[in-house]
Amino acid sequence: MANSMLFLGLRRGDLLNEDDPDVKEAVKRLSPEDFNLRQFRIKRALDLTMKHSILPKEHWTTSEEDTMYIQPLIDQVKKERIEREMWDHK
């Protein structure tokens, strides 16, 4: 899966499951530009998959581009959730 996601132009952060409430909230907190880029990459990957195709090599995700761009937001959301749970149980 890891290699195929690069051929489709995805980043690791694009593969996170939005059924996870922390991920869902983090996605909501992305900047409009990052959100739109994420949506574009996901839709393009779905389209390519349906066509049994991959991107031209010059558009593959490089290791420098393959960042967990959303991880700081997920970490913040989790921290806030844990704090909220602690306050709720006092």
PDB file of N, CA and C in Angstrom:
ATOM      1  N   MET A   1       0.825  -1.198   0.000  1.00  0.00           N
ATOM      2  CA  MET A   1       0.000   0.000   0.000  1.00  0.00           C
ATOM      3  C   MET A   1       0.860   1.249   0.000  1.00  0.00           C
ATOM      4  N   ALA A   2       1.955   1.234   0.739  1.00  0.00           N
ATOM      5  CA  ALA A   2       2.793   2.430   0.859  1.00  0.00           C
ATOM      6  C   ALA A   2       3.316   2.882  -0.496  1.00  0.00           C
ATOM      7  N   ASN A   3       3.827   1.957  -1.292  1.00  0.00           N
ATOM      8  CA  ASN A   3       4.339   2.337  -2.602  1.00  0.00           C
ATOM      9  C   ASN A   3       3.232   2.793  -3.529  1.00  0.00           C
ATOM     10  N   SER A   4       2.109   2.101  -3.514  1.00  0.00           N
ATOM     11  CA  SER A   4       1.024   2.467  -4.422  1.00  0.00           C
ATOM     12  C   SER A   4       0.472   3.856  -4.097  1.00  0.00           C
ATOM     13  N   MET A   5       0.489   4.244  -2.837  1.00  0.00           N
ATOM     14  CA  MET A   5      -0.017   5.581  -2.508  1.00  0.00           C
ATOM     15  C   MET A   5       0.878   6.659  -3.110  1.00  0.00           C
ATOM     16  N   LEU A   6       2.184   6.387  -3.209  1.00  0.00           N
ATOM     17  CA  LEU A   6       3.097   7.355  -3.810  1.00  0.00           C
ATOM     18  C   LEU A   6       2.838   7.488  -5.300  1.00  0.00           C
ATOM     19  N   PHE A   7       2.516   6.367  -5.949  1.00  0.00           N
ATOM     20  CA  PHE A   7       2.220   6.382  -7.386  1.00  0.00           C
ATOM     21  C   PHE A   7       0.917   7.117  -7.680  1.00  0.00           C
ATOM     22  N   LEU A   8       0.066   7.229  -6.663  1.00  0.00           N
ATOM     23  CA  LEU A   8      -1.219   7.897  -6.813  1.00  0.00           C
ATOM     24  C   LEU A   8      -1.168   9.349  -6.348  1.00  0.00           C
ATOM     25  N   GLY A   9      -0.034   9.774  -5.822  1.00  0.00           N
ATOM     26  CA  GLY A   9       0.116  11.153  -5.384  1.00  0.00           C
ATOM     27  C   GLY A   9      -0.408  11.432  -3.991  1.00  0.00           C
ATOM     28  N   LEU A  10      -0.641  10.385  -3.208  1.00  0.00           N
ATOM     29  CA  LEU A  10      -1.149  10.569  -1.848  1.00  0.00           C
ATOM     30  C   LEU A  10      -0.010  10.768  -0.856  1.00  0.00           C
ATOM     31  N   ARG A  11      -0.355  11.346   0.260  1.00  0.00           N
ATOM     32  CA  ARG A  11       0.558  11.457   1.401  1.00  0.00           C
ATOM     33  C   ARG A  11       0.003  10.586   2.525  1.00  0.00           C
ATOM     34  N   ARG A  12       0.867  10.220   3.460  1.00  0.00           N
ATOM     35  CA  ARG A  12       0.432   9.353   4.569  1.00  0.00           C
ATOM     36  C   ARG A  12      -0.773   9.929   5.304  1.00  0.00           C
ATOM     37  N   GLY A  13      -0.778  11.220   5.501  1.00  0.00           N
ATOM     38  CA  GLY A  13      -1.890  11.849   6.216  1.00  0.00           C
ATOM     39  C   GLY A  13      -3.213  11.748   5.486  1.00  0.00           C
ATOM     40  N   ASP A  14      -3.167  11.522   4.174  1.00  0.00           N
ATOM     41  CA  ASP A  14      -4.398  11.390   3.385  1.00  0.00           C
ATOM     42  C   ASP A  14      -5.093  10.062   3.650  1.00  0.00           C
ATOM     43  N   LEU A  15      -4.359   9.089   4.183  1.00  0.00           N
ATOM     44  CA  LEU A  15      -4.894   7.742   4.360  1.00  0.00           C
ATOM     45  C   LEU A  15      -5.543   7.527   5.723  1.00  0.00           C
ATOM     46  N   LEU A  16      -5.478   8.507   6.588  1.00  0.00           N
ATOM     47  CA  LEU A  16      -6.047   8.351   7.926  1.00  0.00           C
ATOM     48  C   LEU A  16      -7.570   8.270   7.853  1.00  0.00           C
ATOM     49  N   ASN A  17      -8.141   7.410   8.673  1.00  0.00           N
ATOM     50  CA  ASN A  17      -9.563   7.137   8.670  1.00  0.00           C
ATOM     51  C   ASN A  17     -10.328   8.246   9.383  1.00  0.00           C
ATOM     52  N   GLU A  18     -11.204   8.907   8.661  1.00  0.00           N
ATOM     53  CA  GLU A  18     -11.994   9.986   9.246  1.00  0.00           C
ATOM     54  C   GLU A  18     -13.130   9.482  10.117  1.00  0.00           C
ATOM     55  N   ASP A  19     -13.274   8.153  10.245  1.00  0.00           N
ATOM     56  CA  ASP A  19     -14.243   7.621  11.209  1.00  0.00           C
ATOM     57  C   ASP A  19     -13.735   7.814  12.635  1.00  0.00           C
ATOM     58  N   ASP A  20     -12.431   8.024  12.772  1.00  0.00           N
ATOM     59  CA  ASP A  20     -11.835   8.345  14.075  1.00  0.00           C
ATOM     60  C   ASP A  20     -12.205   9.794  14.393  1.00  0.00           C
ATOM     61  N   PRO A  21     -12.879  10.037  15.519  1.00  0.00           N
ATOM     62  CA  PRO A  21     -13.315  11.404  15.839  1.00  0.00           C
ATOM     63  C   PRO A  21     -12.168  12.410  15.923  1.00  0.00           C
ATOM     64  N   ASP A  22     -11.005  11.971  16.401  1.00  0.00           N
ATOM     65  CA  ASP A  22      -9.857  12.888  16.491  1.00  0.00           C
ATOM     66  C   ASP A  22      -9.377  13.286  15.103  1.00  0.00           C
ATOM     67  N   VAL A  23      -9.337  12.334  14.189  1.00  0.00           N
ATOM     68  CA  VAL A  23      -8.922  12.626  12.814  1.00  0.00           C
ATOM     69  C   VAL A  23      -9.956  13.526  12.143  1.00  0.00           C
ATOM     70  N   LYS A  24     -11.213  13.216  12.350  1.00  0.00           N
ATOM     71  CA  LYS A  24     -12.288  14.017  11.752  1.00  0.00           C
ATOM     72  C   LYS A  24     -12.190  15.478  12.187  1.00  0.00           C
ATOM     73  N   GLU A  25     -11.961  15.693  13.477  1.00  0.00           N
ATOM     74  CA  GLU A  25     -11.827  17.067  13.987  1.00  0.00           C
ATOM     75  C   GLU A  25     -10.572  17.731  13.441  1.00  0.00           C
ATOM     76  N   ALA A  26      -9.476  16.977  13.347  1.00  0.00           N
ATOM     77  CA  ALA A  26      -8.232  17.535  12.808  1.00  0.00           C
ATOM     78  C   ALA A  26      -8.410  17.959  11.357  1.00  0.00           C
ATOM     79  N   VAL A  27      -9.128  17.172  10.586  1.00  0.00           N
ATOM     80  CA  VAL A  27      -9.389  17.526   9.175  1.00  0.00           C
ATOM     81  C   VAL A  27     -10.165  18.841   9.108  1.00  0.00           C
ATOM     82  N   LYS A  28     -11.115  19.014  10.009  1.00  0.00           N
ATOM     83  CA  LYS A  28     -11.887  20.265  10.055  1.00  0.00           C
ATOM     84  C   LYS A  28     -10.992  21.467  10.346  1.00  0.00           C
ATOM     85  N   ARG A  29      -9.900  21.229  11.064  1.00  0.00           N
ATOM     86  CA  ARG A  29      -9.015  22.329  11.463  1.00  0.00           C
ATOM     87  C   ARG A  29      -7.921  22.641  10.439  1.00  0.00           C
ATOM     88  N   LEU A  30      -7.835  21.857   9.391  1.00  0.00           N
ATOM     89  CA  LEU A  30      -6.855  22.153   8.342  1.00  0.00           C
ATOM     90  C   LEU A  30      -7.154  23.522   7.751  1.00  0.00           C
ATOM     91  N   SER A  31      -6.121  24.192   7.278  1.00  0.00           N
ATOM     92  CA  SER A  31      -6.352  25.448   6.572  1.00  0.00           C
ATOM     93  C   SER A  31      -7.166  25.138   5.312  1.00  0.00           C
ATOM     94  N   PRO A  32      -7.898  26.106   4.794  1.00  0.00           N
ATOM     95  CA  PRO A  32      -8.665  25.845   3.564  1.00  0.00           C
ATOM     96  C   PRO A  32      -7.779  25.311   2.427  1.00  0.00           C
ATOM     97  N   GLU A  33      -6.580  25.838   2.309  1.00  0.00           N
ATOM     98  CA  GLU A  33      -5.676  25.381   1.260  1.00  0.00           C
ATOM     99  C   GLU A  33      -5.278  23.917   1.472  1.00  0.00           C
ATOM    100  N   ASP A  34      -4.879  23.559   2.700  1.00  0.00           N
ATOM    101  CA  ASP A  34      -4.501  22.175   2.982  1.00  0.00           C
ATOM    102  C   ASP A  34      -5.686  21.227   2.822  1.00  0.00           C
ATOM    103  N   PHE A  35      -6.860  21.661   3.233  1.00  0.00           N
ATOM    104  CA  PHE A  35      -8.061  20.834   3.088  1.00  0.00           C
ATOM    105  C   PHE A  35      -8.342  20.569   1.605  1.00  0.00           C
ATOM    106  N   ASN A  36      -8.297  21.625   0.804  1.00  0.00           N
ATOM    107  CA  ASN A  36      -8.564  21.472  -0.628  1.00  0.00           C
ATOM    108  C   ASN A  36      -7.521  20.596  -1.306  1.00  0.00           C
ATOM    109  N   LEU A  37      -6.258  20.755  -0.947  1.00  0.00           N
ATOM    110  CA  LEU A  37      -5.209  19.907  -1.519  1.00  0.00           C
ATOM    111  C   LEU A  37      -5.419  18.449  -1.129  1.00  0.00           C
ATOM    112  N   ARG A  38      -5.797  18.209   0.116  1.00  0.00           N
ATOM    113  CA  ARG A  38      -6.065  16.845   0.581  1.00  0.00           C
ATOM    114  C   ARG A  38      -7.214  16.231  -0.203  1.00  0.00           C
ATOM    115  N   GLN A  39      -8.308  16.989  -0.346  1.00  0.00           N
ATOM    116  CA  GLN A  39      -9.459  16.491  -1.097  1.00  0.00           C
ATOM    117  C   GLN A  39      -9.076  16.183  -2.546  1.00  0.00           C
ATOM    118  N   PHE A  40      -8.295  17.075  -3.156  1.00  0.00           N
ATOM    119  CA  PHE A  40      -7.864  16.867  -4.537  1.00  0.00           C
ATOM    120  C   PHE A  40      -7.050  15.581  -4.666  1.00  0.00           C
ATOM    121  N   ARG A  41      -6.095  15.371  -3.744  1.00  0.00           N
ATOM    122  CA  ARG A  41      -5.259  14.164  -3.816  1.00  0.00           C
ATOM    123  C   ARG A  41      -6.090  12.902  -3.659  1.00  0.00           C
ATOM    124  N   ILE A  42      -7.039  12.923  -2.735  1.00  0.00           N
ATOM    125  CA  ILE A  42      -7.879  11.750  -2.499  1.00  0.00           C
ATOM    126  C   ILE A  42      -8.762  11.467  -3.713  1.00  0.00           C
ATOM    127  N   LYS A  43      -9.403  12.496  -4.249  1.00  0.00           N
ATOM    128  CA  LYS A  43     -10.281  12.298  -5.416  1.00  0.00           C
ATOM    129  C   LYS A  43      -9.484  11.833  -6.635  1.00  0.00           C
ATOM    130  N   ARG A  44      -8.310  12.416  -6.835  1.00  0.00           N
ATOM    131  CA  ARG A  44      -7.464  12.005  -7.961  1.00  0.00           C
ATOM    132  C   ARG A  44      -7.046  10.547  -7.801  1.00  0.00           C
ATOM    133  N   ALA A  45      -6.689  10.148  -6.588  1.00  0.00           N
ATOM    134  CA  ALA A  45      -6.281   8.761  -6.339  1.00  0.00           C
ATOM    135  C   ALA A  45      -7.437   7.797  -6.591  1.00  0.00           C
ATOM    136  N   LEU A  46      -8.637   8.173  -6.173  1.00  0.00           N
ATOM    137  CA  LEU A  46      -9.808   7.328  -6.431  1.00  0.00           C
ATOM    138  C   LEU A  46     -10.056   7.186  -7.927  1.00  0.00           C
ATOM    139  N   ASP A  47      -9.947   8.292  -8.638  1.00  0.00           N
ATOM    140  CA  ASP A  47     -10.139   8.269 -10.089  1.00  0.00           C
ATOM    141  C   ASP A  47      -9.104   7.372 -10.762  1.00  0.00           C
ATOM    142  N   LEU A  48      -7.851   7.522 -10.381  1.00  0.00           N
ATOM    143  CA  LEU A  48      -6.787   6.696 -10.958  1.00  0.00           C
ATOM    144  C   LEU A  48      -6.999   5.218 -10.639  1.00  0.00           C
ATOM    145  N   THR A  49      -7.421   4.932  -9.424  1.00  0.00           N
ATOM    146  CA  THR A  49      -7.660   3.551  -9.025  1.00  0.00           C
ATOM    147  C   THR A  49      -8.776   2.934  -9.868  1.00  0.00           C
ATOM    148  N   MET A  50      -9.851   3.682 -10.074  1.00  0.00           N
ATOM    149  CA  MET A  50     -10.956   3.177 -10.894  1.00  0.00           C
ATOM    150  C   MET A  50     -10.507   2.911 -12.338  1.00  0.00           C
ATOM    151  N   LYS A  51      -9.542   3.683 -12.803  1.00  0.00           N
ATOM    152  CA  LYS A  51      -9.037   3.527 -14.173  1.00  0.00           C
ATOM    153  C   LYS A  51      -7.870   2.539 -14.252  1.00  0.00           C
ATOM    154  N   HIS A  52      -7.502   1.944 -13.106  1.00  0.00           N
ATOM    155  CA  HIS A  52      -6.352   1.034 -13.033  1.00  0.00           C
ATOM    156  C   HIS A  52      -5.117   1.704 -13.619  1.00  0.00           C
ATOM    157  N   SER A  53      -4.866   2.923 -13.144  1.00  0.00           N
ATOM    158  CA  SER A  53      -3.775   3.737 -13.669  1.00  0.00           C
ATOM    159  C   SER A  53      -2.976   4.329 -12.514  1.00  0.00           C
ATOM    160  N   ILE A  54      -1.845   4.922 -12.845  1.00  0.00           N
ATOM    161  CA  ILE A  54      -1.048   5.668 -11.877  1.00  0.00           C
ATOM    162  C   ILE A  54      -0.651   6.994 -12.505  1.00  0.00           C
ATOM    163  N   LEU A  55      -0.133   7.873 -11.679  1.00  0.00           N
ATOM    164  CA  LEU A  55       0.323   9.175 -12.166  1.00  0.00           C
ATOM    165  C   LEU A  55       1.614   9.026 -12.966  1.00  0.00           C
ATOM    166  N   PRO A  56       1.881   9.991 -13.852  1.00  0.00           N
ATOM    167  CA  PRO A  56       3.210  10.020 -14.468  1.00  0.00           C
ATOM    168  C   PRO A  56       4.253  10.188 -13.363  1.00  0.00           C
ATOM    169  N   LYS A  57       5.418   9.626 -13.565  1.00  0.00           N
ATOM    170  CA  LYS A  57       6.449   9.585 -12.524  1.00  0.00           C
ATOM    171  C   LYS A  57       6.763  10.961 -11.932  1.00  0.00           C
ATOM    172  N   GLU A  58       6.733  12.002 -12.739  1.00  0.00           N
ATOM    173  CA  GLU A  58       7.068  13.342 -12.224  1.00  0.00           C
ATOM    174  C   GLU A  58       6.033  13.874 -11.236  1.00  0.00           C
ATOM    175  N   HIS A  59       4.880  13.198 -11.132  1.00  0.00           N
ATOM    176  CA  HIS A  59       3.845  13.619 -10.184  1.00  0.00           C
ATOM    177  C   HIS A  59       3.726  12.687  -8.980  1.00  0.00           C
ATOM    178  N   TRP A  60       4.570  11.673  -8.901  1.00  0.00           N
ATOM    179  CA  TRP A  60       4.541  10.786  -7.743  1.00  0.00           C
ATOM    180  C   TRP A  60       4.931  11.576  -6.494  1.00  0.00           C
ATOM    181  N   THR A  61       4.425  11.180  -5.369  1.00  0.00           N
ATOM    182  CA  THR A  61       4.790  11.795  -4.100  1.00  0.00           C
ATOM    183  C   THR A  61       6.223  11.397  -3.758  1.00  0.00           C
ATOM    184  N   THR A  62       7.037  12.401  -3.463  1.00  0.00           N
ATOM    185  CA  THR A  62       8.420  12.125  -3.075  1.00  0.00           C
ATOM    186  C   THR A  62       8.490  11.934  -1.561  1.00  0.00           C
ATOM    187  N   SER A  63       9.600  11.388  -1.105  1.00  0.00           N
ATOM    188  CA  SER A  63       9.751  11.191   0.343  1.00  0.00           C
ATOM    189  C   SER A  63       9.748  12.531   1.079  1.00  0.00           C
ATOM    190  N   GLU A  64      10.214  13.584   0.438  1.00  0.00           N
ATOM    191  CA  GLU A  64      10.197  14.911   1.067  1.00  0.00           C
ATOM    192  C   GLU A  64       8.768  15.437   1.201  1.00  0.00           C
ATOM    193  N   GLU A  65       7.922  15.111   0.242  1.00  0.00           N
ATOM    194  CA  GLU A  65       6.530  15.570   0.263  1.00  0.00           C
ATOM    195  C   GLU A  65       5.653  14.708   1.173  1.00  0.00           C
ATOM    196  N   ASP A  66       6.068  13.476   1.398  1.00  0.00           N
ATOM    197  CA  ASP A  66       5.254  12.525   2.153  1.00  0.00           C
ATOM    198  C   ASP A  66       5.380  12.787   3.647  1.00  0.00           C
ATOM    199  N   THR A  67       4.701  13.814   4.083  1.00  0.00           N
ATOM    200  CA  THR A  67       4.750  14.197   5.494  1.00  0.00           C
ATOM    201  C   THR A  67       3.417  13.896   6.157  1.00  0.00           C
ATOM    202  N   MET A  68       3.453  13.774   7.454  1.00  0.00           N
ATOM    203  CA  MET A  68       2.219  13.639   8.230  1.00  0.00           C
ATOM    204  C   MET A  68       1.751  15.047   8.594  1.00  0.00           C
ATOM    205  N   TYR A  69       1.391  15.806   7.565  1.00  0.00           N
ATOM    206  CA  TYR A  69       1.024  17.202   7.710  1.00  0.00           C
ATOM    207  C   TYR A  69      -0.106  17.419   8.713  1.00  0.00           C
ATOM    208  N   ILE A  70      -0.912  16.411   8.923  1.00  0.00           N
ATOM    209  CA  ILE A  70      -2.070  16.560   9.794  1.00  0.00           C
ATOM    210  C   ILE A  70      -1.778  16.134  11.239  1.00  0.00           C
ATOM    211  N   GLN A  71      -0.636  15.490  11.474  1.00  0.00           N
ATOM    212  CA  GLN A  71      -0.330  14.941  12.796  1.00  0.00           C
ATOM    213  C   GLN A  71      -0.316  15.984  13.916  1.00  0.00           C
ATOM    214  N   PRO A  72       0.262  17.165  13.705  1.00  0.00           N
ATOM    215  CA  PRO A  72       0.212  18.157  14.796  1.00  0.00           C
ATOM    216  C   PRO A  72      -1.219  18.520  15.196  1.00  0.00           C
ATOM    217  N   LEU A  73      -2.118  18.566  14.224  1.00  0.00           N
ATOM    218  CA  LEU A  73      -3.516  18.863  14.544  1.00  0.00           C
ATOM    219  C   LEU A  73      -4.161  17.710  15.295  1.00  0.00           C
ATOM    220  N   ILE A  74      -3.859  16.486  14.894  1.00  0.00           N
ATOM    221  CA  ILE A  74      -4.400  15.316  15.597  1.00  0.00           C
ATOM    222  C   ILE A  74      -3.905  15.295  17.037  1.00  0.00           C
ATOM    223  N   ASP A  75      -2.627  15.562  17.219  1.00  0.00           N
ATOM    224  CA  ASP A  75      -2.054  15.599  18.571  1.00  0.00           C
ATOM    225  C   ASP A  75      -2.754  16.643  19.430  1.00  0.00           C
ATOM    226  N   GLN A  76      -3.014  17.818  18.861  1.00  0.00           N
ATOM    227  CA  GLN A  76      -3.692  18.883  19.597  1.00  0.00           C
ATOM    228  C   GLN A  76      -5.120  18.479  19.960  1.00  0.00           C
ATOM    229  N   VAL A  77      -5.830  17.890  19.009  1.00  0.00           N
ATOM    230  CA  VAL A  77      -7.208  17.444  19.254  1.00  0.00           C
ATOM    231  C   VAL A  77      -7.234  16.394  20.362  1.00  0.00           C
ATOM    232  N   LYS A  78      -6.310  15.434  20.317  1.00  0.00           N
ATOM    233  CA  LYS A  78      -6.258  14.395  21.353  1.00  0.00           C
ATOM    234  C   LYS A  78      -5.965  15.002  22.718  1.00  0.00           C
ATOM    235  N   LYS A  79      -5.030  15.943  22.758  1.00  0.00           N
ATOM    236  CA  LYS A  79      -4.687  16.599  24.016  1.00  0.00           C
ATOM    237  C   LYS A  79      -5.909  17.322  24.593  1.00  0.00           C
ATOM    238  N   GLU A  80      -6.624  18.035  23.734  1.00  0.00           N
ATOM    239  CA  GLU A  80      -7.819  18.747  24.190  1.00  0.00           C
ATOM    240  C   GLU A  80      -8.891  17.769  24.673  1.00  0.00           C
ATOM    241  N   ARG A  81      -9.058  16.652  23.969  1.00  0.00           N
ATOM    242  CA  ARG A  81     -10.057  15.658  24.358  1.00  0.00           C
ATOM    243  C   ARG A  81      -9.712  15.060  25.718  1.00  0.00           C
ATOM    244  N   ILE A  82      -8.452  14.735  25.922  1.00  0.00           N
ATOM    245  CA  ILE A  82      -8.015  14.153  27.196  1.00  0.00           C
ATOM    246  C   ILE A  82      -8.226  15.151  28.334  1.00  0.00           C
ATOM    247  N   GLU A  83      -7.886  16.410  28.099  1.00  0.00           N
ATOM    248  CA  GLU A  83      -8.104  17.444  29.127  1.00  0.00           C
ATOM    249  C   GLU A  83      -9.585  17.573  29.448  1.00  0.00           C
ATOM    250  N   ARG A  84     -10.418  17.559  28.389  1.00  0.00           N
ATOM    251  CA  ARG A  84     -11.867  17.675  28.584  1.00  0.00           C
ATOM    252  C   ARG A  84     -12.385  16.486  29.389  1.00  0.00           C
ATOM    253  N   GLU A  85     -11.917  15.295  29.074  1.00  0.00           N
ATOM    254  CA  GLU A  85     -12.335  14.098  29.801  1.00  0.00           C
ATOM    255  C   GLU A  85     -11.897  14.160  31.266  1.00  0.00           C
ATOM    256  N   MET A  86     -10.709  14.683  31.502  1.00  0.00           N
ATOM    257  CA  MET A  86     -10.226  14.818  32.880  1.00  0.00           C
ATOM    258  C   MET A  86     -11.109  15.768  33.673  1.00  0.00           C
ATOM    259  N   TRP A  87     -11.495  16.885  33.061  1.00  0.00           N
ATOM    260  CA  TRP A  87     -12.339  17.856  33.741  1.00  0.00           C
ATOM    261  C   TRP A  87     -13.742  17.288  33.971  1.00  0.00           C
ATOM    262  N   ASP A  88     -14.230  16.498  33.007  1.00  0.00           N
ATOM    263  CA  ASP A  88     -15.563  15.910  33.135  1.00  0.00           C
ATOM    264  C   ASP A  88     -15.632  14.873  34.254  1.00  0.00           C
ATOM    265  N   HIS A  89     -14.506  14.249  34.575  1.00  0.00           N
ATOM    266  CA  HIS A  89     -14.491  13.190  35.584  1.00  0.00           C
ATOM    267  C   HIS A  89     -14.082  13.689  36.981  1.00  0.00           C
ATOM    268  N   LYS A  90     -13.932  14.965  37.136  1.00  0.00           N
ATOM    269  CA  LYS A  90     -13.576  15.524  38.451  1.00  0.00           C
ATOM    270  C   LYS A  90     -14.795  15.723  39.291  1.00  0.00           C
TER     271      LYS A  90
END
